[in-house]
Protein backbone atom coordinates (compact mmCIF):
# COMPACT_ATOMS: atom_id res chain seq x y z
CA MET A 1 35.01 17.77 148.29
CA PHE A 2 37.15 15.19 150.03
CA GLN A 3 37.11 16.34 153.63
CA ASN A 4 39.80 15.16 156.06
CA GLN A 5 41.77 13.20 153.49
CA ASN A 6 45.53 12.87 153.82
CA VAL A 7 48.15 14.33 151.54
CA GLU A 8 49.04 10.97 149.96
CA LEU A 9 45.47 10.35 148.79
CA CYS A 10 45.24 13.89 147.47
CA PHE A 11 48.39 13.36 145.41
CA LYS A 12 46.99 10.07 144.08
CA LEU A 13 43.83 11.81 142.87
CA LEU A 14 45.93 14.50 141.23
CA LYS A 15 47.66 11.96 138.98
CA ASN A 16 44.70 11.95 136.60
CA ALA A 17 44.58 15.75 136.37
CA GLU A 18 46.19 18.09 133.85
CA HIS A 19 45.28 21.51 135.23
CA VAL A 20 44.76 22.73 138.80
CA LEU A 21 42.70 25.81 139.66
CA LEU A 22 43.73 27.59 142.85
CA HIS A 23 40.88 29.74 144.17
CA PHE A 24 40.39 32.22 146.98
CA THR A 25 37.91 35.01 147.72
CA ASP A 26 38.81 38.69 148.04
CA LEU A 27 37.41 41.17 150.54
CA LEU A 28 34.42 42.12 148.38
CA GLY A 29 33.45 38.51 147.69
CA PHE A 30 34.90 38.03 144.21
CA LEU A 31 36.45 34.66 143.40
CA LYS A 32 40.11 34.98 142.45
CA GLY A 33 42.82 32.53 141.50
CA ARG A 34 45.25 31.11 139.02
CA THR A 35 45.79 27.87 137.13
CA ILE A 36 48.90 25.71 137.41
CA PRO A 37 49.94 22.46 135.69
CA ALA A 38 49.06 19.38 137.73
CA GLU A 39 52.73 18.46 138.11
CA GLU A 40 53.22 21.69 140.10
CA ALA A 41 50.44 20.85 142.57
CA GLU A 42 52.57 18.97 145.11
CA ASN A 43 54.96 21.87 145.45
CA ALA A 44 52.02 24.30 145.68
CA ILE A 45 50.50 22.28 148.54
CA VAL A 46 53.75 22.11 150.48
CA GLU A 47 55.23 25.55 149.82
CA GLY A 48 52.42 27.64 148.35
CA VAL A 49 52.23 29.76 145.20
CA GLY A 50 53.38 33.38 145.22
CA PHE A 51 51.34 36.29 143.86
CA ASP A 52 51.12 40.08 144.00
CA GLY A 53 48.90 40.93 146.96
CA SER A 54 48.93 44.66 146.18
CA SER A 55 46.80 44.08 143.09
CA LEU A 56 43.94 42.58 145.12
CA ILE A 57 40.88 44.52 146.20
CA GLY A 58 41.43 44.89 149.93
CA GLY A 59 44.95 43.49 149.63
CA VAL A 60 48.25 44.83 150.94
CA GLY A 61 50.36 47.85 150.04
CA ILE A 62 52.78 47.79 147.14
CA GLU A 63 55.69 47.93 149.58
CA GLU A 64 54.66 44.55 151.09
CA SER A 65 53.02 42.94 148.09
CA ASP A 66 54.53 39.43 148.13
CA MET A 67 51.95 36.89 149.31
CA LEU A 68 51.35 33.14 149.14
CA MET A 69 48.28 31.06 148.42
CA LYS A 70 48.33 27.55 149.88
CA PRO A 71 45.77 24.93 148.83
CA ASP A 72 43.61 23.45 151.59
CA ILE A 73 43.79 19.76 150.66
CA THR A 74 40.37 19.06 152.20
CA THR A 75 38.83 21.24 149.46
CA PHE A 76 40.15 19.18 146.53
CA THR A 77 37.51 18.59 143.87
CA VAL A 78 37.08 17.99 140.16
CA CYS A 79 35.65 20.65 137.84
CA PRO A 80 33.09 18.93 135.57
CA TYR A 81 31.90 22.25 134.12
CA TYR A 82 35.07 22.44 132.00
CA PHE A 83 33.42 20.52 129.17
CA TYR A 84 36.39 20.78 126.83
CA ASN A 85 38.75 19.19 129.34
CA LYS A 86 37.58 16.75 132.01
CA SER A 87 40.96 16.66 133.77
CA VAL A 88 40.63 19.99 135.58
CA VAL A 89 40.62 19.98 139.39
CA SER A 90 40.62 22.73 141.99
CA PHE A 91 41.50 23.69 145.54
CA ILE A 92 40.39 26.57 147.71
CA CYS A 93 43.42 28.29 149.16
CA ASN A 94 44.33 30.00 152.40
CA LEU A 95 46.44 33.15 152.13
CA TYR A 96 49.77 33.61 153.90
CA THR A 97 52.51 36.19 154.29
CA PRO A 98 56.05 35.24 153.19
CA GLU A 99 56.82 34.72 156.90
CA GLY A 100 54.30 31.88 157.00
CA LYS A 101 51.61 33.74 158.95
CA ARG A 102 47.96 33.71 157.94
CA PHE A 103 46.95 36.89 156.12
CA GLU A 104 44.50 38.81 158.32
CA GLY A 105 42.72 40.15 155.24
CA ASP A 106 41.76 36.67 153.99
CA PRO A 107 37.95 36.43 154.40
CA ARG A 108 38.22 32.66 154.87
CA TYR A 109 40.53 33.26 157.81
CA VAL A 110 38.10 35.82 159.23
CA CYS A 111 35.36 33.17 159.22
CA GLN A 112 37.69 30.50 160.64
CA LYS A 113 38.54 32.78 163.56
CA THR A 114 34.84 33.24 164.31
CA LEU A 115 34.48 29.46 164.47
CA GLU A 116 37.38 29.39 166.93
CA LYS A 117 35.60 31.96 169.12
CA LEU A 118 32.43 29.89 169.07
CA ALA A 119 34.38 26.72 169.88
CA ALA A 120 35.97 28.47 172.87
CA GLU A 121 32.43 29.12 174.15
CA GLY A 122 31.51 25.45 173.65
CA TYR A 123 29.50 25.90 170.45
CA LYS A 124 29.62 24.23 167.06
CA PRO A 125 27.79 26.31 164.42
CA THR A 126 26.05 25.06 161.30
CA ALA A 127 25.10 27.10 158.25
CA ALA A 128 23.14 26.72 155.04
CA ALA A 129 22.03 29.08 152.29
CA GLU A 130 19.31 29.41 149.65
CA LEU A 131 20.79 31.10 146.58
CA GLU A 132 18.51 32.36 143.83
CA PHE A 133 19.64 33.35 140.35
CA TYR A 134 18.24 34.32 136.97
CA LEU A 135 19.28 32.92 133.61
CA VAL A 136 19.78 35.87 131.30
CA GLN A 137 20.62 36.64 127.69
CA LYS A 138 22.14 39.83 126.34
CA THR A 139 20.02 41.32 123.57
CA ALA A 140 21.27 42.72 120.27
CA ASP A 141 20.87 46.28 121.57
CA GLY A 142 23.00 45.52 124.65
CA ASP A 143 20.14 45.08 127.12
CA PHE A 144 19.83 42.12 129.51
CA GLN A 145 16.63 40.08 129.68
CA PRO A 146 15.56 36.75 131.24
CA VAL A 147 15.70 33.87 128.79
CA GLU A 148 11.88 33.86 128.92
CA ASN A 149 11.88 36.62 126.27
CA HIS A 150 13.75 34.34 123.89
CA LEU A 151 12.65 30.84 124.85
CA MET A 152 9.19 31.33 126.33
CA ASP A 153 10.02 30.34 129.89
CA LYS A 154 6.83 31.68 131.48
CA GLN A 155 6.89 29.29 134.41
CA ARG A 156 6.57 30.32 138.03
CA TYR A 157 7.30 29.01 141.54
CA PHE A 158 7.56 25.21 141.72
CA ASP A 159 6.16 24.83 138.19
CA ILE A 160 7.02 21.58 136.45
CA ALA A 161 6.35 21.91 132.74
CA PRO A 162 8.48 19.70 130.48
CA GLY A 163 9.09 21.44 127.19
CA ARG A 164 8.15 24.84 128.60
CA ASP A 165 10.46 25.23 131.59
CA VAL A 166 13.61 25.71 129.54
CA THR A 167 15.68 26.08 132.69
CA GLU A 168 14.88 22.55 133.92
CA THR A 169 17.63 20.88 131.88
CA PHE A 170 20.09 23.52 133.03
CA ARG A 171 19.21 22.88 136.70
CA MET A 172 19.70 19.14 136.21
CA GLU A 173 23.10 19.66 134.58
CA LEU A 174 24.24 22.07 137.26
CA THR A 175 22.99 19.74 140.01
CA ASN A 176 24.95 16.85 138.50
CA ALA A 177 28.06 19.03 138.33
CA LEU A 178 27.67 20.01 141.98
CA PHE A 179 27.24 16.37 143.03
CA THR A 180 30.40 15.47 141.12
CA MET A 181 32.20 18.27 142.96
CA GLY A 182 31.17 16.76 146.29
CA ILE A 183 28.53 19.37 147.11
CA ALA A 184 25.49 17.65 148.62
CA VAL A 185 22.52 19.19 146.80
CA GLU A 186 19.27 18.81 148.73
CA ARG A 187 16.74 20.25 146.28
CA GLN A 188 16.31 22.44 143.21
CA HIS A 189 13.31 24.16 141.66
CA HIS A 190 12.00 26.95 139.45
CA GLU A 191 11.54 30.14 141.47
CA VAL A 192 8.84 32.83 141.34
CA GLY A 193 10.40 34.87 138.54
CA SER A 194 10.54 33.72 134.94
CA ALA A 195 13.89 32.02 134.32
CA GLN A 196 14.63 32.30 138.05
CA ASN A 197 16.01 29.24 139.82
CA GLU A 198 17.16 27.99 143.18
CA ILE A 199 19.41 25.09 144.18
CA THR A 200 20.08 24.42 147.87
CA PHE A 201 22.68 22.17 149.44
CA LYS A 202 23.11 20.49 152.81
CA TYR A 203 24.22 22.49 155.84
CA ALA A 204 27.81 22.34 157.07
CA ASP A 205 30.07 24.50 159.20
CA PRO A 206 30.12 28.13 158.00
CA VAL A 207 33.53 27.91 156.30
CA ILE A 208 32.61 24.82 154.28
CA THR A 209 29.22 26.34 153.42
CA SER A 210 30.98 29.51 152.24
CA ASP A 211 33.35 27.40 150.12
CA ASN A 212 30.31 25.68 148.60
CA ILE A 213 28.58 28.99 147.90
CA MET A 214 31.57 30.35 145.99
CA ARG A 215 31.94 27.13 143.98
CA TYR A 216 28.21 26.90 143.32
CA LYS A 217 28.14 30.43 141.86
CA PHE A 218 31.20 29.76 139.72
CA ALA A 219 29.80 26.45 138.42
CA ALA A 220 26.41 28.04 137.63
CA LYS A 221 28.07 30.76 135.58
CA ALA A 222 30.35 28.28 133.81
CA VAL A 223 27.56 25.87 132.82
CA ALA A 224 25.28 28.73 131.71
CA ASP A 225 27.97 30.36 129.58
CA ARG A 226 29.82 27.39 128.10
CA LYS A 227 26.83 25.14 127.41
CA TYR A 228 24.02 27.60 126.67
CA GLY A 229 25.54 31.02 126.00
CA TRP A 230 23.50 32.42 128.91
CA ILE A 231 24.43 34.50 131.94
CA ALA A 232 23.66 33.12 135.39
CA THR A 233 23.21 36.31 137.38
CA PHE A 234 23.08 36.54 141.16
CA MET A 235 22.40 40.29 141.03
CA PRO A 236 19.93 41.08 143.85
CA LYS A 237 17.42 43.04 141.72
CA PRO A 238 18.07 42.87 137.97
CA TRP A 239 14.70 44.38 137.03
CA PHE A 240 12.20 46.66 138.70
CA GLY A 241 8.85 44.93 139.17
CA LYS A 242 10.27 41.39 139.14
CA PRO A 243 11.28 39.24 142.14
CA GLY A 244 14.81 39.75 143.41
CA ASN A 245 17.53 37.21 144.11
CA GLY A 246 17.98 36.50 147.79
CA MET A 247 20.36 34.36 149.78
CA HIS A 248 18.48 33.48 152.94
CA ILE A 249 20.95 32.03 155.41
CA HIS A 250 20.06 29.35 157.95
CA LEU A 251 21.91 29.28 161.25
CA GLY A 252 22.21 26.51 163.84
CA LEU A 253 24.18 26.11 167.05
CA PHE A 254 25.10 22.85 168.77
CA ALA A 255 26.94 22.02 171.99
CA SER A 256 30.46 20.88 171.11
CA LYS A 257 30.63 18.21 173.83
CA THR A 258 27.14 16.71 173.74
CA GLY A 259 25.95 17.50 170.21
CA ARG A 260 22.74 18.93 171.71
CA ASN A 261 20.92 21.55 169.66
CA VAL A 262 21.45 24.74 171.69
CA PHE A 263 18.54 26.44 169.91
CA TYR A 264 15.92 23.82 170.86
CA ASP A 265 13.39 23.97 173.67
CA LYS A 266 9.69 23.32 174.07
CA ASP A 267 8.80 27.01 174.34
CA TYR A 268 7.46 29.31 171.61
CA ALA A 269 8.45 27.96 168.21
CA HIS A 270 10.47 25.32 170.13
CA LEU A 271 13.30 27.77 170.72
CA SER A 272 15.51 27.98 173.80
CA GLN A 273 16.25 31.14 175.74
CA LYS A 274 19.78 31.12 174.31
CA CYS A 275 18.30 31.09 170.84
CA ARG A 276 16.14 34.09 171.75
CA TYR A 277 19.27 35.92 172.91
CA PHE A 278 21.03 34.91 169.68
CA ILE A 279 18.12 36.36 167.69
CA GLY A 280 18.24 39.45 169.89
CA GLY A 281 21.89 39.98 169.02
CA ILE A 282 21.23 39.79 165.29
CA LEU A 283 18.26 42.17 165.54
CA GLU A 284 20.36 44.56 167.64
CA HIS A 285 23.06 44.72 164.97
CA ALA A 286 20.80 44.21 161.94
CA ARG A 287 21.25 47.67 160.44
CA ALA A 288 25.06 47.37 160.51
CA LEU A 289 24.95 43.75 159.32
CA CYS A 290 23.17 44.94 156.18
CA ALA A 291 26.40 46.55 154.97
CA VAL A 292 27.97 43.08 154.92
CA VAL A 293 25.08 40.81 153.90
CA ALA A 294 23.40 43.23 151.45
CA PRO A 295 26.60 44.80 150.14
CA THR A 296 25.70 46.61 146.91
CA VAL A 297 23.75 49.64 145.76
CA ASN A 298 21.39 47.24 144.02
CA SER A 299 20.77 45.22 147.20
CA TYR A 300 18.44 47.91 148.51
CA LYS A 301 16.27 47.78 145.38
CA ARG A 302 15.44 44.23 146.54
CA LEU A 303 14.72 45.09 150.18
CA VAL A 304 11.29 46.58 149.54
CA PRO A 305 7.77 45.38 150.44
CA GLY A 306 5.89 43.06 148.13
CA TYR A 307 8.36 40.34 147.18
CA GLU A 308 8.89 38.46 150.48
CA ALA A 309 12.06 40.50 151.07
CA PRO A 310 12.35 41.88 154.62
CA VAL A 311 12.20 45.57 155.43
CA TYR A 312 11.36 45.59 159.14
CA ILE A 313 13.53 44.41 162.03
CA THR A 314 11.33 41.74 163.59
CA TRP A 315 11.34 38.01 164.21
CA SER A 316 8.62 35.41 163.96
CA ARG A 317 7.79 31.85 163.09
CA LYS A 318 6.60 31.10 159.56
CA ASN A 319 6.01 34.82 158.83
CA ARG A 320 8.02 35.69 155.72
CA SER A 321 7.66 39.43 156.22
CA ALA A 322 9.94 39.18 159.28
CA LEU A 323 13.70 39.69 159.12
CA ILE A 324 14.30 36.51 161.10
CA ARG A 325 12.00 33.57 160.57
CA VAL A 326 11.87 30.36 162.59
CA PRO A 327 11.10 27.55 160.11
CA GLU A 328 8.57 25.06 161.47
CA TYR A 329 8.27 22.45 158.77
CA PHE A 330 8.69 19.78 161.47
CA PRO A 331 7.38 21.29 164.73
CA GLY A 332 9.04 19.91 167.84
CA LYS A 333 11.83 18.06 166.02
CA GLU A 334 15.00 18.97 167.91
CA SER A 335 17.44 18.53 165.02
CA GLU A 336 15.43 21.02 162.92
CA ALA A 337 15.57 23.94 165.37
CA ARG A 338 17.27 26.78 163.53
CA ILE A 339 16.73 30.36 162.42
CA GLU A 340 16.54 31.92 158.97
CA PHE A 341 18.04 35.38 158.35
CA ARG A 342 16.30 36.76 155.27
CA CYS A 343 17.97 40.01 154.17
CA PRO A 344 21.29 38.63 152.74
CA ASP A 345 21.70 38.40 148.99
CA PRO A 346 24.05 36.35 146.79
CA LEU A 347 26.54 39.17 146.15
CA CYS A 348 27.68 39.20 149.77
CA ASN A 349 31.01 37.71 150.77
CA PRO A 350 29.72 34.57 152.54
CA TYR A 351 32.78 34.23 154.77
CA LEU A 352 32.34 37.76 156.10
CA ALA A 353 28.56 37.41 156.26
CA TYR A 354 28.63 34.30 158.44
CA ALA A 355 31.43 35.74 160.59
CA ALA A 356 29.49 38.93 161.26
CA VAL A 357 26.10 37.27 161.83
CA PHE A 358 27.44 34.62 164.22
CA GLU A 359 29.44 37.31 166.06
CA ALA A 360 26.24 39.34 166.45
CA GLY A 361 24.36 36.29 167.69
CA LEU A 362 27.11 35.44 170.17
CA ASP A 363 27.01 39.04 171.41
CA GLY A 364 23.30 38.55 172.03
CA ILE A 365 23.94 35.42 174.10
CA LYS A 366 26.69 37.05 176.16
CA LYS A 367 24.70 40.23 176.82
CA ARG A 368 21.34 38.44 177.15
CA ILE A 369 19.74 40.66 174.54
CA GLU A 370 16.00 39.97 174.38
CA PRO A 371 14.54 40.06 170.85
CA GLY A 372 11.18 41.34 172.04
CA ASP A 373 7.91 39.65 171.26
CA PRO A 374 7.60 37.79 167.97
CA VAL A 375 5.46 39.44 165.32
CA ASP A 376 3.29 36.82 163.65
CA MET A 377 1.19 39.13 161.49
CA ASN A 378 2.18 40.51 158.09
CA VAL A 379 4.26 43.59 158.95
CA TYR A 380 3.70 45.05 155.47
CA HIS A 381 -0.03 45.32 156.19
CA MET A 382 0.43 47.16 159.49
CA SER A 383 -0.16 50.87 159.77
CA GLU A 384 2.82 53.09 160.55
CA ALA A 385 1.21 53.88 163.90
CA LYS A 386 0.95 50.19 164.76
CA ARG A 387 4.61 49.61 163.87
CA ARG A 388 5.62 52.54 166.08
CA GLU A 389 3.50 51.16 168.90
CA LEU A 390 5.31 47.81 168.64
CA GLY A 391 8.71 49.49 168.39
CA ILE A 392 9.45 47.96 164.99
CA LYS A 393 12.47 49.54 163.33
CA VAL A 394 13.39 49.45 159.65
CA LEU A 395 16.44 48.25 157.77
CA PRO A 396 18.63 50.80 155.95
CA SER A 397 17.16 52.02 152.69
CA SER A 398 20.51 52.44 150.92
CA LEU A 399 24.06 51.14 150.91
CA LYS A 400 25.29 54.48 152.24
CA GLU A 401 22.93 54.30 155.21
CA ALA A 402 24.04 50.73 155.97
CA LEU A 403 27.73 51.67 155.77
CA GLU A 404 27.24 54.50 158.27
CA GLU A 405 25.72 51.95 160.65
CA LEU A 406 28.65 49.59 160.13
CA LYS A 407 31.13 52.36 160.87
CA SER A 408 29.79 52.72 164.42
CA ASP A 409 29.09 49.06 165.25
CA ASP A 410 31.91 47.63 167.38
CA VAL A 411 30.64 44.05 167.17
CA CYS A 412 30.57 43.94 163.38
CA ILE A 413 33.94 45.69 163.19
CA ARG A 414 35.38 43.13 165.60
CA ALA A 415 34.00 40.30 163.47
CA LEU A 416 35.62 41.63 160.28
CA GLY A 417 38.78 42.91 161.93
CA LYS A 418 39.39 46.65 162.27
CA GLU A 419 41.64 47.00 159.22
CA ASN A 420 39.36 44.87 157.05
CA ALA A 421 36.33 46.88 158.17
CA GLU A 422 38.07 50.15 157.31
CA LYS A 423 39.09 48.90 153.85
CA TYR A 424 35.61 47.49 153.26
CA PHE A 425 33.96 50.78 154.27
CA GLU A 426 36.26 52.76 151.98
CA LEU A 427 35.72 50.49 148.98
CA LYS A 428 31.97 50.38 149.40
CA MET A 429 31.69 54.14 149.85
CA GLN A 430 33.58 54.51 146.57
CA GLU A 431 30.95 52.25 145.01
CA TRP A 432 28.19 54.44 146.44
CA HIS A 433 29.76 57.65 145.15
CA GLU A 434 30.18 56.08 141.71
CA TYR A 435 26.47 55.24 141.73
CA GLU A 436 25.55 58.77 142.84
CA SER A 437 26.96 60.16 139.61
CA HIS A 438 24.57 57.89 137.67
CA MET A 439 21.60 58.10 140.03
CA PRO A 440 18.35 59.24 138.37
CA LYS A 441 16.76 62.37 139.83
CA ASP A 442 13.60 60.47 140.70
CA ASP A 443 15.11 57.28 142.16
CA GLU A 444 12.12 55.22 143.28
CA GLY A 445 13.60 51.76 143.02
CA THR A 446 14.39 51.95 139.32
CA VAL A 447 17.29 49.69 138.34
CA THR A 448 19.76 51.79 136.38
CA LEU A 449 21.89 50.78 133.41
CA TRP A 450 24.92 51.44 135.62
CA GLU A 451 23.71 48.76 138.05
CA LEU A 452 23.06 46.23 135.30
CA GLN A 453 26.49 46.75 133.79
CA LYS A 454 28.21 46.56 137.18
CA TYR A 455 26.38 43.65 138.79
CA ILE A 456 24.86 41.43 136.09
CA TYR A 457 28.03 39.31 135.81
CA ALA A 458 28.85 39.43 139.53
């Protein structure tokens, strides 16, 4: 992406384009948009493009359905995954009412407002994410299986096996596409599951990181489908007994005036007292946050012991059984002081996720919420009595349980906006009730056909 470029340069770059994709994200985290001819782009940038807001999930009523999408020129990029036409470019759009006011239901605006709150407190946040995905093929009988079943990808975490890791070429192609789009990829590798992959990119402010997440997912699906005939699925738990897809999010906080890392100190895990309060805020609101960061029925099939997915509300350094981990790859290095929140998955709306998590952390700082002592032992191996003794609570075990927590959490509701939170709750409860009608009698983590059909392409 071409950040902070002026309109004239943007128009110059558009001269070589034929088609322009205008993207935005709806309340539930689905990428939406329309395509216009390149010659219409200048008018779209200046005046916006009208659309029917009543047809959106979480949109407006039919009596006030006229809305505008306006491209953010700093998000201009090319779309190299359109192999049949190399002259396709795209913008991410902000949503407006016909009166020229920002639409309160635009998740990007929700996240931008959180950044404004943090700025008012003297903070500049940073965010990164680790998105995992499987490469899948649909079988002749309509089932979905990892490409391992067809192409013998039996590799595992960090394996490098030319000729056997059939996803390696795909990762290289996707990485090149992301670089071309202006997304700074840091690393990519084969994950624990067969045909499971991860590509991570450099941290940025939460809005830009959310933009990158949405584009990364779209590009992964496009390259998989158009080049290989595969499905790149970000579904949290496609199969029982196999590793799930997570989206661990990394959070940093810097002083706006000095650039100092607010999270750094020489104490335990090199974290400051403000960072401890920030962690305390997230732990305090963790059960409600789950409704936003683990937003599907299937999300809770992933949040079970045994696959490095968190279940218990604790924090620690290094310990991957904790909900919040303090990475210590470079102990004592101030610029590296950050926290990792491990329960989010790739089907969350990243704009809402970062807004809610940073709001919870800020609440912790303001109220001086202590996170308690860190738990450095494997929580999964503790007895129930030991966990009770330490006061360790558990995350919700279902979407319904998480939604009930969200309904009564004022901080998370404030982060989303009251009307957005109400719409979100209603839509997600509908999803839960739909699942209930397909739920097996003995539901012990089994992934249902209903889940596969609903989430495999999400």
